[in-house]
Amino acid sequence: MDVSSRRATLDDVPFLAALAAHAEVEPFLAVSRASTPEAIAERVARSQREPDGFGVLVIEADGEPVGTMSWELVNRRSRIAAVSGLAVDPGFRERGVGIAAAKALQRHLFTELGFHRLQMEVYGFNERGLRHAERVGWVREGVRRRAYWRDEAWVDGVLFGLVDDEFDDG
């Protein structure tokens, strides 16, 4: 399977909105994320305007949209980007799509855009997300204990980081 990613366009908004609302995807995405087509369109438009500082990407498998991921410049002087919102259509899970896409994003951010550090946070209950992060080289750096109110309960946020000299492209 050929996995690639590209910057989202406004034509992708219906796909992105449907993916974010999918019953097997939505529980694992940040509550504060853009979830309406209008809010998603605003993020996509920003991604088009700010290609070196913000990205909403569509993951494709054999040319078909199957997922998404995002990143944002959070500290210009220290060259830090935050990665978020990795989601793969459940019908394409367990095929290496997320791993290939995550590695490609890391490569792009480190080698093409020159970031020094990437960081992200995963809900503590998201076992699939936690395993994925470690599989693609992220280093667990800490836990924000009971930091987020989600589904009528406080949940942890697990912090991950990756610096350029730790990146393994293999």
N, C-alpha and C. Protein backbone atom coordinates (compact mmCIF):
# COMPACT_ATOMS: atom_id res chain seq x y z
N MET A 1 0.85 -1.17 0.00
CA MET A 1 0.00 0.00 0.00
C MET A 1 0.89 1.24 0.00
N ASP A 2 0.63 2.15 -0.90
CA ASP A 2 1.38 3.39 -1.00
C ASP A 2 0.73 4.44 -0.10
N VAL A 3 1.46 4.88 0.93
CA VAL A 3 0.95 5.87 1.88
C VAL A 3 1.67 7.19 1.65
N SER A 4 0.89 8.27 1.55
CA SER A 4 1.47 9.60 1.38
C SER A 4 0.59 10.59 2.14
N SER A 5 1.06 11.81 2.22
CA SER A 5 0.24 12.87 2.81
C SER A 5 0.43 14.13 1.98
N ARG A 6 -0.57 14.97 2.08
CA ARG A 6 -0.54 16.25 1.36
C ARG A 6 -1.30 17.27 2.19
N ARG A 7 -1.02 18.53 1.89
CA ARG A 7 -1.73 19.61 2.58
C ARG A 7 -3.20 19.56 2.19
N ALA A 8 -4.08 19.68 3.17
CA ALA A 8 -5.53 19.66 2.92
C ALA A 8 -5.96 20.88 2.13
N THR A 9 -7.01 20.70 1.34
CA THR A 9 -7.64 21.80 0.61
C THR A 9 -9.08 21.90 1.09
N LEU A 10 -9.75 22.95 0.67
CA LEU A 10 -11.15 23.11 1.06
C LEU A 10 -12.02 21.97 0.53
N ASP A 11 -11.62 21.34 -0.57
CA ASP A 11 -12.35 20.18 -1.08
C ASP A 11 -12.31 19.00 -0.11
N ASP A 12 -11.35 18.98 0.80
CA ASP A 12 -11.21 17.88 1.77
C ASP A 12 -12.07 18.07 3.01
N VAL A 13 -12.67 19.22 3.18
CA VAL A 13 -13.42 19.51 4.41
C VAL A 13 -14.50 18.47 4.69
N PRO A 14 -15.33 18.05 3.74
CA PRO A 14 -16.33 17.03 4.06
C PRO A 14 -15.70 15.73 4.59
N PHE A 15 -14.62 15.28 3.97
CA PHE A 15 -13.93 14.08 4.45
C PHE A 15 -13.42 14.29 5.87
N LEU A 16 -12.75 15.44 6.12
CA LEU A 16 -12.17 15.71 7.44
C LEU A 16 -13.26 15.79 8.51
N ALA A 17 -14.39 16.41 8.18
CA ALA A 17 -15.49 16.53 9.15
C ALA A 17 -16.09 15.16 9.45
N ALA A 18 -16.27 14.34 8.43
CA ALA A 18 -16.82 13.00 8.64
C ALA A 18 -15.87 12.14 9.47
N LEU A 19 -14.58 12.23 9.19
CA LEU A 19 -13.60 11.46 9.96
C LEU A 19 -13.61 11.88 11.42
N ALA A 20 -13.61 13.18 11.68
CA ALA A 20 -13.61 13.68 13.05
C ALA A 20 -14.86 13.28 13.82
N ALA A 21 -15.97 13.08 13.12
CA ALA A 21 -17.23 12.71 13.76
C ALA A 21 -17.43 11.20 13.87
N HIS A 22 -16.55 10.42 13.25
CA HIS A 22 -16.70 8.96 13.24
C HIS A 22 -16.70 8.44 14.69
N ALA A 23 -17.60 7.53 14.99
CA ALA A 23 -17.78 7.02 16.35
C ALA A 23 -16.52 6.35 16.91
N GLU A 24 -15.66 5.81 16.05
CA GLU A 24 -14.43 5.16 16.52
C GLU A 24 -13.22 6.10 16.49
N VAL A 25 -13.43 7.34 16.09
CA VAL A 25 -12.34 8.32 16.04
C VAL A 25 -12.58 9.44 17.05
N GLU A 26 -13.77 9.98 17.06
CA GLU A 26 -14.11 11.16 17.87
C GLU A 26 -13.72 11.04 19.35
N PRO A 27 -13.91 9.90 20.02
CA PRO A 27 -13.58 9.84 21.45
C PRO A 27 -12.11 10.07 21.77
N PHE A 28 -11.24 9.96 20.79
CA PHE A 28 -9.81 10.05 21.03
C PHE A 28 -9.20 11.38 20.60
N LEU A 29 -10.00 12.24 19.97
CA LEU A 29 -9.52 13.55 19.55
C LEU A 29 -9.80 14.58 20.64
N ALA A 30 -9.01 15.63 20.67
CA ALA A 30 -9.19 16.69 21.67
C ALA A 30 -10.59 17.28 21.57
N VAL A 31 -11.19 17.50 22.72
CA VAL A 31 -12.52 18.11 22.75
C VAL A 31 -12.49 19.50 22.12
N SER A 32 -11.37 20.19 22.26
CA SER A 32 -11.26 21.57 21.78
C SER A 32 -10.96 21.67 20.28
N ARG A 33 -10.85 20.55 19.59
CA ARG A 33 -10.51 20.58 18.17
C ARG A 33 -11.63 21.21 17.34
N ALA A 34 -11.30 21.59 16.14
CA ALA A 34 -12.31 22.06 15.19
C ALA A 34 -13.15 20.85 14.79
N SER A 35 -14.47 20.95 14.93
CA SER A 35 -15.29 19.79 14.63
C SER A 35 -16.40 20.08 13.62
N THR A 36 -16.73 21.34 13.43
CA THR A 36 -17.76 21.66 12.44
C THR A 36 -17.08 21.88 11.09
N PRO A 37 -17.81 21.68 10.00
CA PRO A 37 -17.20 21.95 8.68
C PRO A 37 -16.66 23.37 8.58
N GLU A 38 -17.33 24.33 9.17
CA GLU A 38 -16.87 25.73 9.11
C GLU A 38 -15.55 25.90 9.84
N ALA A 39 -15.44 25.33 11.03
CA ALA A 39 -14.21 25.46 11.81
C ALA A 39 -13.06 24.71 11.14
N ILE A 40 -13.37 23.56 10.57
CA ILE A 40 -12.34 22.80 9.85
C ILE A 40 -11.88 23.57 8.63
N ALA A 41 -12.81 24.19 7.92
CA ALA A 41 -12.46 25.00 6.74
C ALA A 41 -11.55 26.15 7.13
N GLU A 42 -11.78 26.77 8.29
CA GLU A 42 -10.91 27.85 8.76
C GLU A 42 -9.49 27.34 8.99
N ARG A 43 -9.36 26.16 9.58
CA ARG A 43 -8.03 25.58 9.82
C ARG A 43 -7.34 25.22 8.50
N VAL A 44 -8.09 24.69 7.57
CA VAL A 44 -7.52 24.35 6.26
C VAL A 44 -7.05 25.62 5.55
N ALA A 45 -7.85 26.67 5.60
CA ALA A 45 -7.47 27.94 4.97
C ALA A 45 -6.21 28.50 5.63
N ARG A 46 -6.11 28.40 6.97
CA ARG A 46 -4.91 28.86 7.66
C ARG A 46 -3.70 28.04 7.22
N SER A 47 -3.88 26.73 7.06
CA SER A 47 -2.80 25.86 6.61
C SER A 47 -2.29 26.30 5.23
N GLN A 48 -3.19 26.72 4.37
CA GLN A 48 -2.80 27.21 3.05
C GLN A 48 -2.05 28.54 3.14
N ARG A 49 -2.49 29.41 4.05
CA ARG A 49 -1.87 30.74 4.20
C ARG A 49 -0.52 30.69 4.90
N GLU A 50 -0.32 29.72 5.82
CA GLU A 50 0.87 29.67 6.67
C GLU A 50 1.61 28.33 6.49
N PRO A 51 2.12 28.04 5.32
CA PRO A 51 2.70 26.72 5.08
C PRO A 51 3.93 26.39 5.93
N ASP A 52 4.63 27.39 6.44
CA ASP A 52 5.81 27.14 7.28
C ASP A 52 5.50 27.18 8.76
N GLY A 53 4.23 27.46 9.11
CA GLY A 53 3.89 27.59 10.52
C GLY A 53 2.70 26.78 10.98
N PHE A 54 1.99 26.18 10.03
CA PHE A 54 0.77 25.46 10.41
C PHE A 54 0.41 24.50 9.29
N GLY A 55 0.00 23.31 9.65
CA GLY A 55 -0.36 22.36 8.61
C GLY A 55 -1.52 21.46 8.99
N VAL A 56 -2.48 21.36 8.11
CA VAL A 56 -3.53 20.35 8.19
C VAL A 56 -3.29 19.45 6.99
N LEU A 57 -3.02 18.18 7.25
CA LEU A 57 -2.65 17.26 6.19
C LEU A 57 -3.70 16.16 6.03
N VAL A 58 -3.82 15.67 4.83
CA VAL A 58 -4.65 14.52 4.53
C VAL A 58 -3.71 13.35 4.25
N ILE A 59 -3.97 12.24 4.92
CA ILE A 59 -3.21 11.01 4.68
C ILE A 59 -3.94 10.23 3.59
N GLU A 60 -3.18 9.77 2.61
CA GLU A 60 -3.77 8.99 1.53
C GLU A 60 -3.12 7.61 1.47
N ALA A 61 -3.93 6.60 1.16
CA ALA A 61 -3.45 5.24 0.91
C ALA A 61 -3.88 4.88 -0.50
N ASP A 62 -2.91 4.63 -1.35
CA ASP A 62 -3.19 4.35 -2.76
C ASP A 62 -4.07 5.43 -3.39
N GLY A 63 -3.79 6.69 -3.02
CA GLY A 63 -4.50 7.83 -3.60
C GLY A 63 -5.85 8.15 -2.99
N GLU A 64 -6.28 7.37 -2.02
CA GLU A 64 -7.60 7.57 -1.39
C GLU A 64 -7.40 8.22 -0.02
N PRO A 65 -8.17 9.27 0.32
CA PRO A 65 -8.04 9.88 1.65
C PRO A 65 -8.49 8.90 2.74
N VAL A 66 -7.60 8.68 3.71
CA VAL A 66 -7.89 7.73 4.78
C VAL A 66 -7.60 8.28 6.17
N GLY A 67 -7.06 9.49 6.26
CA GLY A 67 -6.73 10.02 7.58
C GLY A 67 -6.28 11.46 7.52
N THR A 68 -5.88 11.95 8.68
CA THR A 68 -5.43 13.33 8.80
C THR A 68 -4.44 13.46 9.95
N MET A 69 -3.69 14.53 9.95
CA MET A 69 -2.81 14.91 11.05
C MET A 69 -2.50 16.40 10.89
N SER A 70 -2.11 17.03 11.98
CA SER A 70 -1.85 18.47 11.97
C SER A 70 -0.57 18.78 12.72
N TRP A 71 -0.05 19.96 12.47
CA TRP A 71 1.10 20.45 13.22
C TRP A 71 1.03 21.97 13.26
N GLU A 72 1.73 22.55 14.25
CA GLU A 72 1.75 24.00 14.40
C GLU A 72 3.07 24.44 15.03
N LEU A 73 3.64 25.49 14.48
CA LEU A 73 4.81 26.12 15.07
C LEU A 73 4.40 26.73 16.41
N VAL A 74 5.07 26.34 17.50
CA VAL A 74 4.72 26.90 18.81
C VAL A 74 5.84 27.74 19.41
N ASN A 75 7.07 27.62 18.87
CA ASN A 75 8.17 28.44 19.35
C ASN A 75 9.16 28.61 18.21
N ARG A 76 9.15 29.79 17.60
CA ARG A 76 10.00 30.04 16.44
C ARG A 76 11.48 30.04 16.81
N ARG A 77 11.86 30.74 17.88
CA ARG A 77 13.27 30.86 18.26
C ARG A 77 13.89 29.50 18.56
N SER A 78 13.14 28.63 19.25
CA SER A 78 13.67 27.32 19.61
C SER A 78 13.28 26.23 18.61
N ARG A 79 12.59 26.62 17.54
CA ARG A 79 12.21 25.71 16.45
C ARG A 79 11.44 24.48 16.95
N ILE A 80 10.30 24.77 17.62
CA ILE A 80 9.46 23.72 18.19
C ILE A 80 8.11 23.72 17.48
N ALA A 81 7.66 22.52 17.11
CA ALA A 81 6.33 22.34 16.52
C ALA A 81 5.55 21.35 17.37
N ALA A 82 4.25 21.61 17.48
CA ALA A 82 3.34 20.68 18.16
C ALA A 82 2.59 19.89 17.09
N VAL A 83 2.55 18.59 17.28
CA VAL A 83 1.86 17.68 16.36
C VAL A 83 0.57 17.24 17.04
N SER A 84 -0.51 17.15 16.26
CA SER A 84 -1.79 16.75 16.87
C SER A 84 -2.72 16.14 15.84
N GLY A 85 -3.80 15.59 16.35
CA GLY A 85 -4.92 15.18 15.52
C GLY A 85 -4.68 14.05 14.54
N LEU A 86 -3.73 13.13 14.83
CA LEU A 86 -3.56 11.99 13.94
C LEU A 86 -4.80 11.11 14.05
N ALA A 87 -5.46 10.90 12.93
CA ALA A 87 -6.65 10.05 12.89
C ALA A 87 -6.64 9.28 11.58
N VAL A 88 -6.89 7.98 11.67
CA VAL A 88 -6.96 7.12 10.49
C VAL A 88 -8.33 6.46 10.49
N ASP A 89 -8.96 6.44 9.33
CA ASP A 89 -10.24 5.76 9.17
C ASP A 89 -10.10 4.34 9.73
N PRO A 90 -11.02 3.91 10.61
CA PRO A 90 -10.90 2.58 11.21
C PRO A 90 -10.77 1.44 10.21
N GLY A 91 -11.29 1.59 9.02
CA GLY A 91 -11.16 0.56 8.00
C GLY A 91 -9.74 0.40 7.47
N PHE A 92 -8.86 1.35 7.79
CA PHE A 92 -7.48 1.30 7.32
C PHE A 92 -6.48 1.13 8.45
N ARG A 93 -6.97 0.87 9.66
CA ARG A 93 -6.07 0.65 10.79
C ARG A 93 -5.40 -0.72 10.67
N GLU A 94 -4.30 -0.86 11.40
CA GLU A 94 -3.53 -2.11 11.45
C GLU A 94 -2.89 -2.48 10.11
N ARG A 95 -2.68 -1.47 9.26
CA ARG A 95 -2.02 -1.71 7.97
C ARG A 95 -0.75 -0.88 7.82
N GLY A 96 -0.35 -0.20 8.90
CA GLY A 96 0.86 0.62 8.85
C GLY A 96 0.67 2.01 8.30
N VAL A 97 -0.58 2.39 8.02
CA VAL A 97 -0.85 3.72 7.45
C VAL A 97 -0.42 4.82 8.41
N GLY A 98 -0.83 4.73 9.67
CA GLY A 98 -0.49 5.76 10.65
C GLY A 98 1.00 5.86 10.89
N ILE A 99 1.67 4.72 10.92
CA ILE A 99 3.12 4.72 11.14
C ILE A 99 3.83 5.39 9.97
N ALA A 100 3.48 5.01 8.75
CA ALA A 100 4.12 5.62 7.56
C ALA A 100 3.85 7.12 7.51
N ALA A 101 2.62 7.52 7.80
CA ALA A 101 2.28 8.95 7.75
C ALA A 101 3.00 9.73 8.83
N ALA A 102 3.07 9.17 10.04
CA ALA A 102 3.75 9.87 11.14
C ALA A 102 5.24 10.03 10.86
N LYS A 103 5.86 8.99 10.35
CA LYS A 103 7.29 9.07 10.01
C LYS A 103 7.53 10.12 8.92
N ALA A 104 6.65 10.15 7.91
CA ALA A 104 6.79 11.14 6.84
C ALA A 104 6.63 12.56 7.39
N LEU A 105 5.70 12.75 8.32
CA LEU A 105 5.53 14.08 8.92
C LEU A 105 6.76 14.46 9.72
N GLN A 106 7.28 13.54 10.52
CA GLN A 106 8.49 13.84 11.28
C GLN A 106 9.63 14.23 10.34
N ARG A 107 9.82 13.45 9.28
CA ARG A 107 10.87 13.74 8.30
C ARG A 107 10.69 15.14 7.72
N HIS A 108 9.47 15.47 7.32
CA HIS A 108 9.18 16.78 6.73
C HIS A 108 9.50 17.90 7.72
N LEU A 109 9.05 17.75 8.95
CA LEU A 109 9.24 18.81 9.93
C LEU A 109 10.70 18.98 10.32
N PHE A 110 11.44 17.88 10.44
CA PHE A 110 12.85 17.97 10.81
C PHE A 110 13.73 18.36 9.62
N THR A 111 13.59 17.68 8.50
CA THR A 111 14.56 17.88 7.42
C THR A 111 14.19 19.00 6.46
N GLU A 112 12.91 19.17 6.18
CA GLU A 112 12.52 20.19 5.22
C GLU A 112 12.22 21.54 5.87
N LEU A 113 11.61 21.52 7.06
CA LEU A 113 11.28 22.79 7.71
C LEU A 113 12.26 23.16 8.82
N GLY A 114 13.16 22.27 9.17
CA GLY A 114 14.24 22.59 10.10
C GLY A 114 13.86 22.71 11.56
N PHE A 115 12.81 22.03 11.99
CA PHE A 115 12.46 22.08 13.40
C PHE A 115 13.48 21.29 14.21
N HIS A 116 13.68 21.71 15.45
CA HIS A 116 14.59 21.03 16.37
C HIS A 116 13.84 20.05 17.26
N ARG A 117 12.61 20.40 17.62
CA ARG A 117 11.83 19.60 18.58
C ARG A 117 10.38 19.51 18.13
N LEU A 118 9.82 18.32 18.29
CA LEU A 118 8.39 18.10 18.08
C LEU A 118 7.81 17.66 19.42
N GLN A 119 6.58 18.05 19.66
CA GLN A 119 5.93 17.64 20.90
C GLN A 119 4.46 17.37 20.65
N MET A 120 3.89 16.53 21.49
CA MET A 120 2.47 16.23 21.37
C MET A 120 1.96 15.69 22.70
N GLU A 121 0.64 15.61 22.78
CA GLU A 121 -0.01 15.09 23.98
C GLU A 121 -1.11 14.13 23.55
N VAL A 122 -1.23 13.02 24.29
CA VAL A 122 -2.20 11.97 23.99
C VAL A 122 -3.00 11.72 25.27
N TYR A 123 -4.32 11.59 25.14
CA TYR A 123 -5.12 11.23 26.31
C TYR A 123 -4.59 9.94 26.91
N GLY A 124 -4.54 9.88 28.23
CA GLY A 124 -4.03 8.70 28.93
C GLY A 124 -4.84 7.44 28.67
N PHE A 125 -6.11 7.57 28.34
CA PHE A 125 -6.95 6.39 28.08
C PHE A 125 -6.81 5.89 26.64
N ASN A 126 -6.10 6.62 25.81
CA ASN A 126 -5.97 6.27 24.39
C ASN A 126 -4.81 5.29 24.20
N GLU A 127 -5.06 4.04 24.55
CA GLU A 127 -4.00 3.02 24.48
C GLU A 127 -3.41 2.89 23.08
N ARG A 128 -4.26 2.94 22.05
CA ARG A 128 -3.78 2.83 20.67
C ARG A 128 -2.85 4.01 20.35
N GLY A 129 -3.24 5.21 20.74
CA GLY A 129 -2.43 6.39 20.50
C GLY A 129 -1.11 6.36 21.25
N LEU A 130 -1.12 5.87 22.47
CA LEU A 130 0.11 5.77 23.26
C LEU A 130 1.08 4.77 22.64
N ARG A 131 0.56 3.62 22.22
CA ARG A 131 1.42 2.61 21.57
C ARG A 131 1.99 3.16 20.26
N HIS A 132 1.13 3.84 19.49
CA HIS A 132 1.57 4.40 18.22
C HIS A 132 2.72 5.39 18.43
N ALA A 133 2.56 6.29 19.39
CA ALA A 133 3.60 7.30 19.64
C ALA A 133 4.95 6.65 19.91
N GLU A 134 4.96 5.64 20.74
CA GLU A 134 6.23 4.99 21.06
C GLU A 134 6.78 4.20 19.87
N ARG A 135 5.90 3.60 19.06
CA ARG A 135 6.35 2.86 17.87
C ARG A 135 7.07 3.74 16.87
N VAL A 136 6.65 5.00 16.77
CA VAL A 136 7.26 5.89 15.78
C VAL A 136 8.33 6.79 16.39
N GLY A 137 8.81 6.44 17.59
CA GLY A 137 9.99 7.09 18.13
C GLY A 137 9.79 8.19 19.15
N TRP A 138 8.56 8.55 19.45
CA TRP A 138 8.34 9.59 20.44
C TRP A 138 8.81 9.11 21.82
N VAL A 139 9.30 10.04 22.62
CA VAL A 139 9.77 9.75 23.97
C VAL A 139 8.75 10.30 24.96
N ARG A 140 8.28 9.42 25.85
CA ARG A 140 7.32 9.83 26.87
C ARG A 140 8.05 10.74 27.85
N GLU A 141 7.54 11.95 28.03
CA GLU A 141 8.22 12.93 28.88
C GLU A 141 7.50 13.21 30.19
N GLY A 142 6.24 12.88 30.27
CA GLY A 142 5.54 13.15 31.52
C GLY A 142 4.04 13.00 31.35
N VAL A 143 3.34 13.29 32.44
CA VAL A 143 1.89 13.17 32.45
C VAL A 143 1.30 14.42 33.10
N ARG A 144 0.31 14.99 32.45
CA ARG A 144 -0.51 16.03 33.08
C ARG A 144 -1.65 15.28 33.76
N ARG A 145 -1.53 15.10 35.05
CA ARG A 145 -2.49 14.29 35.79
C ARG A 145 -3.86 14.97 35.86
N ARG A 146 -4.89 14.19 35.52
CA ARG A 146 -6.28 14.64 35.58
C ARG A 146 -6.42 16.08 35.05
N ALA A 147 -5.88 16.30 33.87
CA ALA A 147 -5.82 17.65 33.30
C ALA A 147 -7.02 18.03 32.47
N TYR A 148 -7.76 17.06 31.95
CA TYR A 148 -8.82 17.37 30.99
C TYR A 148 -10.15 16.75 31.41
N TRP A 149 -11.21 17.53 31.32
CA TRP A 149 -12.55 17.06 31.61
C TRP A 149 -13.11 16.46 30.33
N ARG A 150 -13.31 15.16 30.33
CA ARG A 150 -13.75 14.45 29.13
C ARG A 150 -14.76 13.39 29.54
N ASP A 151 -15.93 13.42 28.93
CA ASP A 151 -16.96 12.41 29.20
C ASP A 151 -17.25 12.27 30.69
N GLU A 152 -17.44 13.40 31.34
CA GLU A 152 -17.83 13.46 32.76
C GLU A 152 -16.77 12.90 33.71
N ALA A 153 -15.51 12.97 33.32
CA ALA A 153 -14.43 12.51 34.19
C ALA A 153 -13.15 13.26 33.86
N TRP A 154 -12.26 13.38 34.83
CA TRP A 154 -10.94 13.96 34.60
C TRP A 154 -10.04 12.89 34.01
N VAL A 155 -9.31 13.25 32.97
CA VAL A 155 -8.39 12.30 32.33
C VAL A 155 -7.00 12.91 32.22
N ASP A 156 -6.01 12.03 32.18
CA ASP A 156 -4.62 12.45 32.05
C ASP A 156 -4.29 12.81 30.60
N GLY A 157 -3.28 13.64 30.45
CA GLY A 157 -2.66 13.88 29.15
C GLY A 157 -1.22 13.43 29.23
N VAL A 158 -0.81 12.55 28.35
CA VAL A 158 0.56 12.03 28.35
C VAL A 158 1.37 12.85 27.35
N LEU A 159 2.46 13.42 27.82
CA LEU A 159 3.30 14.30 27.01
C LEU A 159 4.42 13.52 26.34
N PHE A 160 4.63 13.80 25.06
CA PHE A 160 5.69 13.15 24.28
C PHE A 160 6.53 14.23 23.59
N GLY A 161 7.80 13.93 23.40
CA GLY A 161 8.68 14.81 22.66
C GLY A 161 9.61 14.00 21.77
N LEU A 162 10.13 14.67 20.76
CA LEU A 162 11.10 14.07 19.85
C LEU A 162 11.99 15.19 19.35
N VAL A 163 13.30 15.03 19.49
CA VAL A 163 14.22 16.06 18.99
C VAL A 163 14.94 15.54 17.76
N ASP A 164 15.43 16.46 16.97
CA ASP A 164 15.95 16.12 15.65
C ASP A 164 17.02 15.04 15.66
N ASP A 165 17.94 15.06 16.63
CA ASP A 165 18.99 14.05 16.62
C ASP A 165 18.54 12.68 17.11
N GLU A 166 17.29 12.57 17.58
CA GLU A 166 16.72 11.28 17.97
C GLU A 166 15.91 10.66 16.83
N PHE A 167 15.61 11.46 15.83
CA PHE A 167 14.75 10.99 14.74
C PHE A 167 15.41 9.84 13.99
N ASP A 168 14.69 8.74 13.89
CA ASP A 168 15.17 7.57 13.16
C ASP A 168 14.26 7.38 11.96
N ASP A 169 14.79 7.58 10.79
CA ASP A 169 14.00 7.53 9.57
C ASP A 169 13.74 6.10 9.09
N GLY A 170 14.23 5.13 9.83
CA GLY A 170 14.09 3.74 9.39
C GLY A 170 12.78 3.09 9.71
